[in-house]
Amino acid sequence: MRLAVIGCGYVGLVTGSCLAEAAHEVIATDNDPVRMAMLDSGRLPIYEPGLDLVMESARAAGRLRFTSDCAQAVRAA
C-alpha cells in the first residue's frame, strides 16, 4: 500500500518508518526545511531508540522517501 505521512515529528516519523518497515511504500512530508534537510541526509531530527536502524533499512529498501511538497506526497499515495 502507498501511504503519505504529513508531519515528520515524533508521531509522524516513527509511524512512517514503521509502516515502511512493514513493507508499505511511504512518502513523508514536513514544512520545516531544517527537519527535511536532516532527513534527506539520513539524520534523525528526533531521538527514538532504534528508529535510526528502522529508517535506514526502510530507505535502503526504497520504501521510505521524504519531500517538502505536501501535494506531491498526497498525490504519490
PDB file of N, CA and C in Angstrom:
ATOM      1  N   MET A   1       0.833  -1.159   0.000  1.00  0.00           N
ATOM      2  CA  MET A   1       0.000   0.000   0.000  1.00  0.00           C
ATOM      3  C   MET A   1       0.892   1.242   0.000  1.00  0.00           C
ATOM      4  N   ARG A   2       0.485   2.260  -0.726  1.00  0.00           N
ATOM      5  CA  ARG A   2       1.214   3.530  -0.742  1.00  0.00           C
ATOM      6  C   ARG A   2       0.547   4.493   0.226  1.00  0.00           C
ATOM      7  N   LEU A   3       1.355   5.114   1.071  1.00  0.00           N
ATOM      8  CA  LEU A   3       0.838   5.989   2.120  1.00  0.00           C
ATOM      9  C   LEU A   3       1.597   7.306   2.159  1.00  0.00           C
ATOM     10  N   ALA A   4       0.889   8.365   2.533  1.00  0.00           N
ATOM     11  CA  ALA A   4       1.521   9.660   2.784  1.00  0.00           C
ATOM     12  C   ALA A   4       1.440   9.933   4.277  1.00  0.00           C
ATOM     13  N   VAL A   5       2.522  10.433   4.844  1.00  0.00           N
ATOM     14  CA  VAL A   5       2.550  10.834   6.252  1.00  0.00           C
ATOM     15  C   VAL A   5       2.833  12.329   6.279  1.00  0.00           C
ATOM     16  N   ILE A   6       1.922  13.074   6.874  1.00  0.00           N
ATOM     17  CA  ILE A   6       2.059  14.523   6.955  1.00  0.00           C
ATOM     18  C   ILE A   6       2.606  14.859   8.337  1.00  0.00           C
ATOM     19  N   GLY A   7       3.813  15.365   8.363  1.00  0.00           N
ATOM     20  CA  GLY A   7       4.478  15.711   9.617  1.00  0.00           C
ATOM     21  C   GLY A   7       5.525  14.676   9.986  1.00  0.00           C
ATOM     22  N   CYS A   8       6.744  15.121  10.170  1.00  0.00           N
ATOM     23  CA  CYS A   8       7.863  14.220  10.487  1.00  0.00           C
ATOM     24  C   CYS A   8       8.422  14.494  11.874  1.00  0.00           C
ATOM     25  N   GLY A   9       7.522  14.710  12.812  1.00  0.00           N
ATOM     26  CA  GLY A   9       7.921  14.863  14.208  1.00  0.00           C
ATOM     27  C   GLY A   9       7.918  13.507  14.892  1.00  0.00           C
ATOM     28  N   TYR A  10       7.714  13.521  16.197  1.00  0.00           N
ATOM     29  CA  TYR A  10       7.770  12.277  16.974  1.00  0.00           C
ATOM     30  C   TYR A  10       6.745  11.248  16.503  1.00  0.00           C
ATOM     31  N   VAL A  11       5.542  11.662  16.212  1.00  0.00           N
ATOM     32  CA  VAL A  11       4.495  10.719  15.809  1.00  0.00           C
ATOM     33  C   VAL A  11       4.650  10.325  14.346  1.00  0.00           C
ATOM     34  N   GLY A  12       4.740  11.296  13.454  1.00  0.00           N
ATOM     35  CA  GLY A  12       4.776  11.008  12.026  1.00  0.00           C
ATOM     36  C   GLY A  12       6.000  10.236  11.577  1.00  0.00           C
ATOM     37  N   LEU A  13       7.162  10.599  12.090  1.00  0.00           N
ATOM     38  CA  LEU A  13       8.391   9.941  11.657  1.00  0.00           C
ATOM     39  C   LEU A  13       8.447   8.494  12.133  1.00  0.00           C
ATOM     40  N   VAL A  14       8.045   8.263  13.362  1.00  0.00           N
ATOM     41  CA  VAL A  14       8.029   6.891  13.885  1.00  0.00           C
ATOM     42  C   VAL A  14       6.982   6.066  13.138  1.00  0.00           C
ATOM     43  N   THR A  15       5.789   6.622  12.961  1.00  0.00           N
ATOM     44  CA  THR A  15       4.724   5.910  12.255  1.00  0.00           C
ATOM     45  C   THR A  15       5.127   5.592  10.830  1.00  0.00           C
ATOM     46  N   GLY A  16       5.619   6.584  10.104  1.00  0.00           N
ATOM     47  CA  GLY A  16       6.017   6.374   8.716  1.00  0.00           C
ATOM     48  C   GLY A  16       7.136   5.362   8.574  1.00  0.00           C
ATOM     49  N   SER A  17       8.123   5.438   9.439  1.00  0.00           N
ATOM     50  CA  SER A  17       9.243   4.494   9.380  1.00  0.00           C
ATOM     51  C   SER A  17       8.784   3.069   9.661  1.00  0.00           C
ATOM     52  N   CYS A  18       7.919   2.913  10.649  1.00  0.00           N
ATOM     53  CA  CYS A  18       7.424   1.566  10.981  1.00  0.00           C
ATOM     54  C   CYS A  18       6.526   1.013   9.882  1.00  0.00           C
ATOM     55  N   LEU A  19       5.696   1.852   9.281  1.00  0.00           N
ATOM     56  CA  LEU A  19       4.865   1.390   8.164  1.00  0.00           C
ATOM     57  C   LEU A  19       5.732   0.979   6.980  1.00  0.00           C
ATOM     58  N   ALA A  20       6.787   1.725   6.723  1.00  0.00           N
ATOM     59  CA  ALA A  20       7.700   1.370   5.635  1.00  0.00           C
ATOM     60  C   ALA A  20       8.427   0.069   5.945  1.00  0.00           C
ATOM     61  N   GLU A  21       8.807  -0.116   7.185  1.00  0.00           N
ATOM     62  CA  GLU A  21       9.469  -1.352   7.593  1.00  0.00           C
ATOM     63  C   GLU A  21       8.523  -2.545   7.460  1.00  0.00           C
ATOM     64  N   ALA A  22       7.215  -2.288   7.545  1.00  0.00           N
ATOM     65  CA  ALA A  22       6.199  -3.335   7.400  1.00  0.00           C
ATOM     66  C   ALA A  22       5.812  -3.530   5.932  1.00  0.00           C
ATOM     67  N   ALA A  23       6.667  -3.076   5.016  1.00  0.00           N
ATOM     68  CA  ALA A  23       6.550  -3.292   3.565  1.00  0.00           C
ATOM     69  C   ALA A  23       5.566  -2.372   2.851  1.00  0.00           C
ATOM     70  N   HIS A  24       5.151  -1.271   3.484  1.00  0.00           N
ATOM     71  CA  HIS A  24       4.336  -0.280   2.790  1.00  0.00           C
ATOM     72  C   HIS A  24       5.265   0.757   2.160  1.00  0.00           C
ATOM     73  N   GLU A  25       4.811   1.384   1.072  1.00  0.00           N
ATOM     74  CA  GLU A  25       5.568   2.474   0.450  1.00  0.00           C
ATOM     75  C   GLU A  25       5.100   3.776   1.087  1.00  0.00           C
ATOM     76  N   VAL A  26       6.023   4.495   1.709  1.00  0.00           N
ATOM     77  CA  VAL A  26       5.669   5.700   2.461  1.00  0.00           C
ATOM     78  C   VAL A  26       6.429   6.891   1.905  1.00  0.00           C
ATOM     79  N   ILE A  27       5.687   7.983   1.684  1.00  0.00           N
ATOM     80  CA  ILE A  27       6.322   9.262   1.383  1.00  0.00           C
ATOM     81  C   ILE A  27       5.885  10.217   2.488  1.00  0.00           C
ATOM     82  N   ALA A  28       6.857  10.777   3.176  1.00  0.00           N
ATOM     83  CA  ALA A  28       6.589  11.632   4.333  1.00  0.00           C
ATOM     84  C   ALA A  28       6.950  13.073   4.006  1.00  0.00           C
ATOM     85  N   THR A  29       6.189  13.998   4.565  1.00  0.00           N
ATOM     86  CA  THR A  29       6.406  15.407   4.297  1.00  0.00           C
ATOM     87  C   THR A  29       6.337  16.217   5.587  1.00  0.00           C
ATOM     88  N   ASP A  30       7.013  17.350   5.572  1.00  0.00           N
ATOM     89  CA  ASP A  30       7.002  18.265   6.709  1.00  0.00           C
ATOM     90  C   ASP A  30       7.282  19.660   6.167  1.00  0.00           C
ATOM     91  N   ASN A  31       6.770  20.687   6.837  1.00  0.00           N
ATOM     92  CA  ASN A  31       7.002  22.055   6.362  1.00  0.00           C
ATOM     93  C   ASN A  31       8.214  22.720   7.006  1.00  0.00           C
ATOM     94  N   ASP A  32       8.968  21.985   7.801  1.00  0.00           N
ATOM     95  CA  ASP A  32      10.174  22.515   8.445  1.00  0.00           C
ATOM     96  C   ASP A  32      11.387  22.194   7.566  1.00  0.00           C
ATOM     97  N   PRO A  33      11.983  23.209   6.913  1.00  0.00           N
ATOM     98  CA  PRO A  33      13.096  22.938   5.997  1.00  0.00           C
ATOM     99  C   PRO A  33      14.329  22.342   6.682  1.00  0.00           C
ATOM    100  N   VAL A  34      14.580  22.702   7.927  1.00  0.00           N
ATOM    101  CA  VAL A  34      15.732  22.139   8.649  1.00  0.00           C
ATOM    102  C   VAL A  34      15.506  20.648   8.893  1.00  0.00           C
ATOM    103  N   ARG A  35      14.311  20.310   9.322  1.00  0.00           N
ATOM    104  CA  ARG A  35      13.970  18.901   9.562  1.00  0.00           C
ATOM    105  C   ARG A  35      14.081  18.093   8.265  1.00  0.00           C
ATOM    106  N   MET A  36      13.589  18.643   7.171  1.00  0.00           N
ATOM    107  CA  MET A  36      13.632  17.928   5.891  1.00  0.00           C
ATOM    108  C   MET A  36      15.071  17.759   5.409  1.00  0.00           C
ATOM    109  N   ALA A  37      15.910  18.760   5.616  1.00  0.00           N
ATOM    110  CA  ALA A  37      17.322  18.644   5.224  1.00  0.00           C
ATOM    111  C   ALA A  37      18.008  17.542   6.025  1.00  0.00           C
ATOM    112  N   MET A  38      17.696  17.452   7.299  1.00  0.00           N
ATOM    113  CA  MET A  38      18.275  16.386   8.122  1.00  0.00           C
ATOM    114  C   MET A  38      17.841  15.017   7.615  1.00  0.00           C
ATOM    115  N   LEU A  39      16.554  14.858   7.351  1.00  0.00           N
ATOM    116  CA  LEU A  39      16.041  13.571   6.884  1.00  0.00           C
ATOM    117  C   LEU A  39      16.612  13.209   5.519  1.00  0.00           C
ATOM    118  N   ASP A  40      16.721  14.191   4.633  1.00  0.00           N
ATOM    119  CA  ASP A  40      17.302  13.939   3.304  1.00  0.00           C
ATOM    120  C   ASP A  40      18.735  13.443   3.400  1.00  0.00           C
ATOM    121  N   SER A  41      19.450  13.888   4.434  1.00  0.00           N
ATOM    122  CA  SER A  41      20.842  13.459   4.592  1.00  0.00           C
ATOM    123  C   SER A  41      20.965  12.210   5.470  1.00  0.00           C
ATOM    124  N   GLY A  42      19.821  11.640   5.869  1.00  0.00           N
ATOM    125  CA  GLY A  42      19.848  10.410   6.652  1.00  0.00           C
ATOM    126  C   GLY A  42      19.977  10.607   8.150  1.00  0.00           C
ATOM    127  N   ARG A  43      19.850  11.853   8.623  1.00  0.00           N
ATOM    128  CA  ARG A  43      19.947  12.129  10.060  1.00  0.00           C
ATOM    129  C   ARG A  43      18.550  12.278  10.659  1.00  0.00           C
ATOM    130  N   LEU A  44      18.404  11.887  11.889  1.00  0.00           N
ATOM    131  CA  LEU A  44      17.118  11.996  12.576  1.00  0.00           C
ATOM    132  C   LEU A  44      16.999  13.326  13.315  1.00  0.00           C
ATOM    133  N   PRO A  45      15.868  14.025  13.181  1.00  0.00           N
ATOM    134  CA  PRO A  45      15.668  15.269  13.923  1.00  0.00           C
ATOM    135  C   PRO A  45      15.108  15.031  15.327  1.00  0.00           C
ATOM    136  N   ILE A  46      14.837  13.780  15.672  1.00  0.00           N
ATOM    137  CA  ILE A  46      14.307  13.418  16.987  1.00  0.00           C
ATOM    138  C   ILE A  46      15.114  12.242  17.525  1.00  0.00           C
ATOM    139  N   TYR A  47      14.939  11.952  18.804  1.00  0.00           N
ATOM    140  CA  TYR A  47      15.570  10.766  19.365  1.00  0.00           C
ATOM    141  C   TYR A  47      14.491   9.752  19.711  1.00  0.00           C
ATOM    142  N   GLU A  48      14.600   8.590  19.141  1.00  0.00           N
ATOM    143  CA  GLU A  48      13.744   7.454  19.461  1.00  0.00           C
ATOM    144  C   GLU A  48      14.625   6.221  19.340  1.00  0.00           C
ATOM    145  N   PRO A  49      14.813   5.481  20.416  1.00  0.00           N
ATOM    146  CA  PRO A  49      15.709   4.322  20.379  1.00  0.00           C
ATOM    147  C   PRO A  49      15.361   3.346  19.251  1.00  0.00           C
ATOM    148  N   GLY A  50      16.352   3.037  18.429  1.00  0.00           N
ATOM    149  CA  GLY A  50      16.191   2.075  17.345  1.00  0.00           C
ATOM    150  C   GLY A  50      15.621   2.634  16.063  1.00  0.00           C
ATOM    151  N   LEU A  51      15.113   3.867  16.095  1.00  0.00           N
ATOM    152  CA  LEU A  51      14.496   4.437  14.900  1.00  0.00           C
ATOM    153  C   LEU A  51      15.508   4.620  13.781  1.00  0.00           C
ATOM    154  N   ASP A  52      16.744   4.932  14.117  1.00  0.00           N
ATOM    155  CA  ASP A  52      17.760   5.121  13.083  1.00  0.00           C
ATOM    156  C   ASP A  52      17.923   3.861  12.235  1.00  0.00           C
ATOM    157  N   LEU A  53      17.909   2.703  12.854  1.00  0.00           N
ATOM    158  CA  LEU A  53      18.061   1.447  12.114  1.00  0.00           C
ATOM    159  C   LEU A  53      16.832   1.137  11.272  1.00  0.00           C
ATOM    160  N   VAL A  54      15.654   1.393  11.819  1.00  0.00           N
ATOM    161  CA  VAL A  54      14.412   1.150  11.078  1.00  0.00           C
ATOM    162  C   VAL A  54      14.346   2.068   9.865  1.00  0.00           C
ATOM    163  N   MET A  55      14.639   3.364  10.069  1.00  0.00           N
ATOM    164  CA  MET A  55      14.584   4.319   8.975  1.00  0.00           C
ATOM    165  C   MET A  55      15.628   3.997   7.909  1.00  0.00           C
ATOM    166  N   GLU A  56      16.829   3.672   8.322  1.00  0.00           N
ATOM    167  CA  GLU A  56      17.901   3.337   7.384  1.00  0.00           C
ATOM    168  C   GLU A  56      17.520   2.126   6.535  1.00  0.00           C
ATOM    169  N   SER A  57      16.969   1.115   7.151  1.00  0.00           N
ATOM    170  CA  SER A  57      16.556  -0.096   6.440  1.00  0.00           C
ATOM    171  C   SER A  57      15.436   0.200   5.450  1.00  0.00           C
ATOM    172  N   ALA A  58      14.447   0.970   5.875  1.00  0.00           N
ATOM    173  CA  ALA A  58      13.315   1.306   5.009  1.00  0.00           C
ATOM    174  C   ALA A  58      13.756   2.175   3.836  1.00  0.00           C
ATOM    175  N   ARG A  59      14.644   3.120   4.079  1.00  0.00           N
ATOM    176  CA  ARG A  59      15.150   3.966   2.989  1.00  0.00           C
ATOM    177  C   ARG A  59      15.982   3.154   2.016  1.00  0.00           C
ATOM    178  N   ALA A  60      16.817   2.258   2.519  1.00  0.00           N
ATOM    179  CA  ALA A  60      17.656   1.426   1.651  1.00  0.00           C
ATOM    180  C   ALA A  60      16.800   0.522   0.769  1.00  0.00           C
ATOM    181  N   ALA A  61      15.659   0.094   1.285  1.00  0.00           N
ATOM    182  CA  ALA A  61      14.750  -0.762   0.522  1.00  0.00           C
ATOM    183  C   ALA A  61      13.879   0.047  -0.437  1.00  0.00           C
ATOM    184  N   GLY A  62      13.968   1.377  -0.378  1.00  0.00           N
ATOM    185  CA  GLY A  62      13.186   2.233  -1.264  1.00  0.00           C
ATOM    186  C   GLY A  62      11.736   2.386  -0.846  1.00  0.00           C
ATOM    187  N   ARG A  63      11.424   2.046   0.398  1.00  0.00           N
ATOM    188  CA  ARG A  63      10.036   2.131   0.854  1.00  0.00           C
ATOM    189  C   ARG A  63       9.745   3.392   1.664  1.00  0.00           C
ATOM    190  N   LEU A  64      10.759   4.203   1.929  1.00  0.00           N
ATOM    191  CA  LEU A  64      10.569   5.433   2.695  1.00  0.00           C
ATOM    192  C   LEU A  64      11.277   6.571   1.983  1.00  0.00           C
ATOM    193  N   ARG A  65      10.473   7.579   1.608  1.00  0.00           N
ATOM    194  CA  ARG A  65      11.010   8.768   0.941  1.00  0.00           C
ATOM    195  C   ARG A  65      10.498  10.004   1.664  1.00  0.00           C
ATOM    196  N   PHE A  66      11.191  11.119   1.449  1.00  0.00           N
ATOM    197  CA  PHE A  66      10.821  12.379   2.082  1.00  0.00           C
ATOM    198  C   PHE A  66      10.701  13.466   1.031  1.00  0.00           C
ATOM    199  N   THR A  67       9.753  14.380   1.240  1.00  0.00           N
ATOM    200  CA  THR A  67       9.595  15.541   0.375  1.00  0.00           C
ATOM    201  C   THR A  67       9.054  16.698   1.208  1.00  0.00           C
ATOM    202  N   SER A  68       9.391  17.908   0.812  1.00  0.00           N
ATOM    203  CA  SER A  68       8.827  19.080   1.483  1.00  0.00           C
ATOM    204  C   SER A  68       7.546  19.535   0.792  1.00  0.00           C
ATOM    205  N   ASP A  69       7.180  18.872  -0.309  1.00  0.00           N
ATOM    206  CA  ASP A  69       5.987  19.206  -1.084  1.00  0.00           C
ATOM    207  C   ASP A  69       4.821  18.316  -0.646  1.00  0.00           C
ATOM    208  N   CYS A  70       3.939  18.872   0.160  1.00  0.00           N
ATOM    209  CA  CYS A  70       2.815  18.106   0.696  1.00  0.00           C
ATOM    210  C   CYS A  70       1.918  17.580  -0.422  1.00  0.00           C
ATOM    211  N   ALA A  71       1.656  18.391  -1.433  1.00  0.00           N
ATOM    212  CA  ALA A  71       0.803  17.949  -2.541  1.00  0.00           C
ATOM    213  C   ALA A  71       1.414  16.750  -3.254  1.00  0.00           C
ATOM    214  N   GLN A  72       2.721  16.758  -3.433  1.00  0.00           N
ATOM    215  CA  GLN A  72       3.404  15.625  -4.066  1.00  0.00           C
ATOM    216  C   GLN A  72       3.249  14.368  -3.218  1.00  0.00           C
ATOM    217  N   ALA A  73       3.375  14.501  -1.923  1.00  0.00           N
ATOM    218  CA  ALA A  73       3.240  13.342  -1.031  1.00  0.00           C
ATOM    219  C   ALA A  73       1.844  12.746  -1.133  1.00  0.00           C
ATOM    220  N   VAL A  74       0.837  13.599  -1.153  1.00  0.00           N
ATOM    221  CA  VAL A  74      -0.546  13.118  -1.223  1.00  0.00           C
ATOM    222  C   VAL A  74      -0.824  12.487  -2.583  1.00  0.00           C
ATOM    223  N   ARG A  75      -0.349  13.103  -3.653  1.00  0.00           N
ATOM    224  CA  ARG A  75      -0.544  12.526  -4.999  1.00  0.00           C
ATOM    225  C   ARG A  75       0.116  11.169  -5.120  1.00  0.00           C
ATOM    226  N   ALA A  76       1.268  10.996  -4.502  1.00  0.00           N
ATOM    227  CA  ALA A  76       2.026   9.749  -4.627  1.00  0.00           C
ATOM    228  C   ALA A  76       1.406   8.610  -3.820  1.00  0.00           C
ATOM    229  N   ALA A  77       0.541   8.944  -2.879  1.00  0.00           N
ATOM    230  CA  ALA A  77      -0.060   7.901  -2.016  1.00  0.00           C
ATOM    231  C   ALA A  77      -1.216   7.206  -2.707  1.00  0.00           C
TER     232      ALA A  77
END
